[in-house]
């Protein structure tokens, strides 16, 4: 389970919080009792980035054959106030 610290505690003990992340542990930072951030091991961030890239690639592949609109058509439609490009 992740340790939780306030912003003030995180600021005061930043080196220790970073050491925890380096050791593979997550620290959640709260402000006024609400979770606002997390310091995570870099491997976790890298995995999240890779997963987001994979999801975007799959979404793009799923729409590869969809009809497209040129930039000129899109801009003309926007300036004319139409909705045909949507």
C-alpha atoms as a PDB file:
ATOM      1  CA  UNK A   1       0.000   0.000   0.000  1.00  0.00           C
ATOM      2  CA  UNK A   2       1.238   3.497  -0.798  1.00  0.00           C
ATOM      3  CA  UNK A   3       2.328   5.796   1.972  1.00  0.00           C
ATOM      4  CA  UNK A   4       0.429   9.076   2.134  1.00  0.00           C
ATOM      5  CA  UNK A   5       2.034  12.396   3.039  1.00  0.00           C
ATOM      6  CA  UNK A   6       0.875  15.985   2.999  1.00  0.00           C
ATOM      7  CA  UNK A   7       2.442  18.529   0.670  1.00  0.00           C
ATOM      8  CA  UNK A   8       4.259  20.021   3.650  1.00  0.00           C
ATOM      9  CA  UNK A   9       5.625  16.616   4.684  1.00  0.00           C
ATOM     10  CA  UNK A  10       6.659  15.841   1.110  1.00  0.00           C
ATOM     11  CA  UNK A  11       8.482  19.163   0.863  1.00  0.00           C
ATOM     12  CA  UNK A  12      10.198  18.691   4.218  1.00  0.00           C
ATOM     13  CA  UNK A  13      11.201  15.082   3.515  1.00  0.00           C
ATOM     14  CA  UNK A  14      11.633  15.165  -0.258  1.00  0.00           C
ATOM     15  CA  UNK A  15      14.874  13.185  -0.227  1.00  0.00           C
ATOM     16  CA  UNK A  16      13.222  10.393   1.762  1.00  0.00           C
ATOM     17  CA  UNK A  17      10.188  10.353  -0.534  1.00  0.00           C
ATOM     18  CA  UNK A  18      12.493  10.074  -3.535  1.00  0.00           C
ATOM     19  CA  UNK A  19      14.408   7.287  -1.813  1.00  0.00           C
ATOM     20  CA  UNK A  20      11.104   5.422  -1.359  1.00  0.00           C
ATOM     21  CA  UNK A  21      10.347   5.764  -5.074  1.00  0.00           C
ATOM     22  CA  UNK A  22      13.829   4.567  -5.936  1.00  0.00           C
ATOM     23  CA  UNK A  23      13.173   1.547  -3.703  1.00  0.00           C
ATOM     24  CA  UNK A  24      10.027   0.756  -5.715  1.00  0.00           C
ATOM     25  CA  UNK A  25       7.421   2.303  -3.415  1.00  0.00           C
ATOM     26  CA  UNK A  26       4.729   4.836  -4.260  1.00  0.00           C
ATOM     27  CA  UNK A  27       3.993   7.889  -2.121  1.00  0.00           C
ATOM     28  CA  UNK A  28       0.673   9.711  -2.465  1.00  0.00           C
ATOM     29  CA  UNK A  29       0.690  13.434  -1.727  1.00  0.00           C
ATOM     30  CA  UNK A  30      -2.395  15.089  -0.263  1.00  0.00           C
ATOM     31  CA  UNK A  31      -3.496  18.703   0.033  1.00  0.00           C
ATOM     32  CA  UNK A  32      -6.317  19.532   2.404  1.00  0.00           C
ATOM     33  CA  UNK A  33      -7.020  15.817   2.757  1.00  0.00           C
ATOM     34  CA  UNK A  34      -7.407  15.220  -0.990  1.00  0.00           C
ATOM     35  CA  UNK A  35      -5.046  13.104  -3.079  1.00  0.00           C
ATOM     36  CA  UNK A  36      -3.381  15.449  -5.565  1.00  0.00           C
ATOM     37  CA  UNK A  37      -0.202  13.728  -6.734  1.00  0.00           C
ATOM     38  CA  UNK A  38       1.924  10.634  -6.476  1.00  0.00           C
ATOM     39  CA  UNK A  39       5.632  10.067  -6.565  1.00  0.00           C
ATOM     40  CA  UNK A  40       6.135   6.696  -8.226  1.00  0.00           C
ATOM     41  CA  UNK A  41       9.120   4.611  -9.250  1.00  0.00           C
ATOM     42  CA  UNK A  42      10.313   5.602 -12.720  1.00  0.00           C
ATOM     43  CA  UNK A  43       9.534   2.078 -13.966  1.00  0.00           C
ATOM     44  CA  UNK A  44       5.866   2.707 -13.164  1.00  0.00           C
ATOM     45  CA  UNK A  45       5.865   5.959 -15.144  1.00  0.00           C
ATOM     46  CA  UNK A  46       7.629   4.267 -18.057  1.00  0.00           C
ATOM     47  CA  UNK A  47       5.046   1.457 -18.023  1.00  0.00           C
ATOM     48  CA  UNK A  48       2.173   3.954 -17.996  1.00  0.00           C
ATOM     49  CA  UNK A  49       3.700   5.863 -20.921  1.00  0.00           C
ATOM     50  CA  UNK A  50       4.200   2.629 -22.881  1.00  0.00           C
ATOM     51  CA  UNK A  51       0.620   1.534 -22.175  1.00  0.00           C
ATOM     52  CA  UNK A  52      -0.731   4.911 -23.312  1.00  0.00           C
ATOM     53  CA  UNK A  53       1.334   4.696 -26.515  1.00  0.00           C
ATOM     54  CA  UNK A  54       0.055   1.164 -27.173  1.00  0.00           C
ATOM     55  CA  UNK A  55      -3.543   2.229 -26.599  1.00  0.00           C
ATOM     56  CA  UNK A  56      -3.150   5.179 -28.985  1.00  0.00           C
ATOM     57  CA  UNK A  57      -1.591   2.901 -31.619  1.00  0.00           C
ATOM     58  CA  UNK A  58      -4.441   0.390 -31.310  1.00  0.00           C
ATOM     59  CA  UNK A  59      -7.017   3.166 -31.584  1.00  0.00           C
ATOM     60  CA  UNK A  60      -5.307   4.572 -34.677  1.00  0.00           C
ATOM     61  CA  UNK A  61      -5.135   1.121 -36.252  1.00  0.00           C
ATOM     62  CA  UNK A  62      -8.832   0.540 -35.564  1.00  0.00           C
ATOM     63  CA  UNK A  63      -9.639   3.688 -37.556  1.00  0.00           C
ATOM     64  CA  UNK A  64      -7.110   3.258 -40.362  1.00  0.00           C
ATOM     65  CA  UNK A  65      -9.791   2.774 -43.031  1.00  0.00           C
ATOM     66  CA  UNK A  66     -12.085   5.555 -41.802  1.00  0.00           C
ATOM     67  CA  UNK A  67     -12.743   8.354 -44.279  1.00  0.00           C
ATOM     68  CA  UNK A  68     -10.510  11.375 -43.882  1.00  0.00           C
ATOM     69  CA  UNK A  69     -10.903  15.102 -44.410  1.00  0.00           C
ATOM     70  CA  UNK A  70      -8.117  17.288 -45.739  1.00  0.00           C
ATOM     71  CA  UNK A  71      -6.907  20.236 -43.693  1.00  0.00           C
ATOM     72  CA  UNK A  72      -8.240  22.597 -46.363  1.00  0.00           C
ATOM     73  CA  UNK A  73     -11.698  21.005 -46.127  1.00  0.00           C
ATOM     74  CA  UNK A  74     -11.618  21.133 -42.348  1.00  0.00           C
ATOM     75  CA  UNK A  75     -10.624  24.800 -42.257  1.00  0.00           C
ATOM     76  CA  UNK A  76     -13.184  25.756 -44.904  1.00  0.00           C
ATOM     77  CA  UNK A  77     -15.870  23.967 -42.931  1.00  0.00           C
ATOM     78  CA  UNK A  78     -14.845  25.637 -39.682  1.00  0.00           C
ATOM     79  CA  UNK A  79     -14.821  29.125 -41.198  1.00  0.00           C
ATOM     80  CA  UNK A  80     -18.133  28.571 -42.953  1.00  0.00           C
ATOM     81  CA  UNK A  81     -19.666  27.365 -39.707  1.00  0.00           C
ATOM     82  CA  UNK A  82     -20.704  24.042 -41.222  1.00  0.00           C
ATOM     83  CA  UNK A  83     -20.591  20.605 -39.692  1.00  0.00           C
ATOM     84  CA  UNK A  84     -19.775  18.393 -42.665  1.00  0.00           C
ATOM     85  CA  UNK A  85     -16.207  17.664 -41.431  1.00  0.00           C
ATOM     86  CA  UNK A  86     -17.440  16.235 -38.161  1.00  0.00           C
END
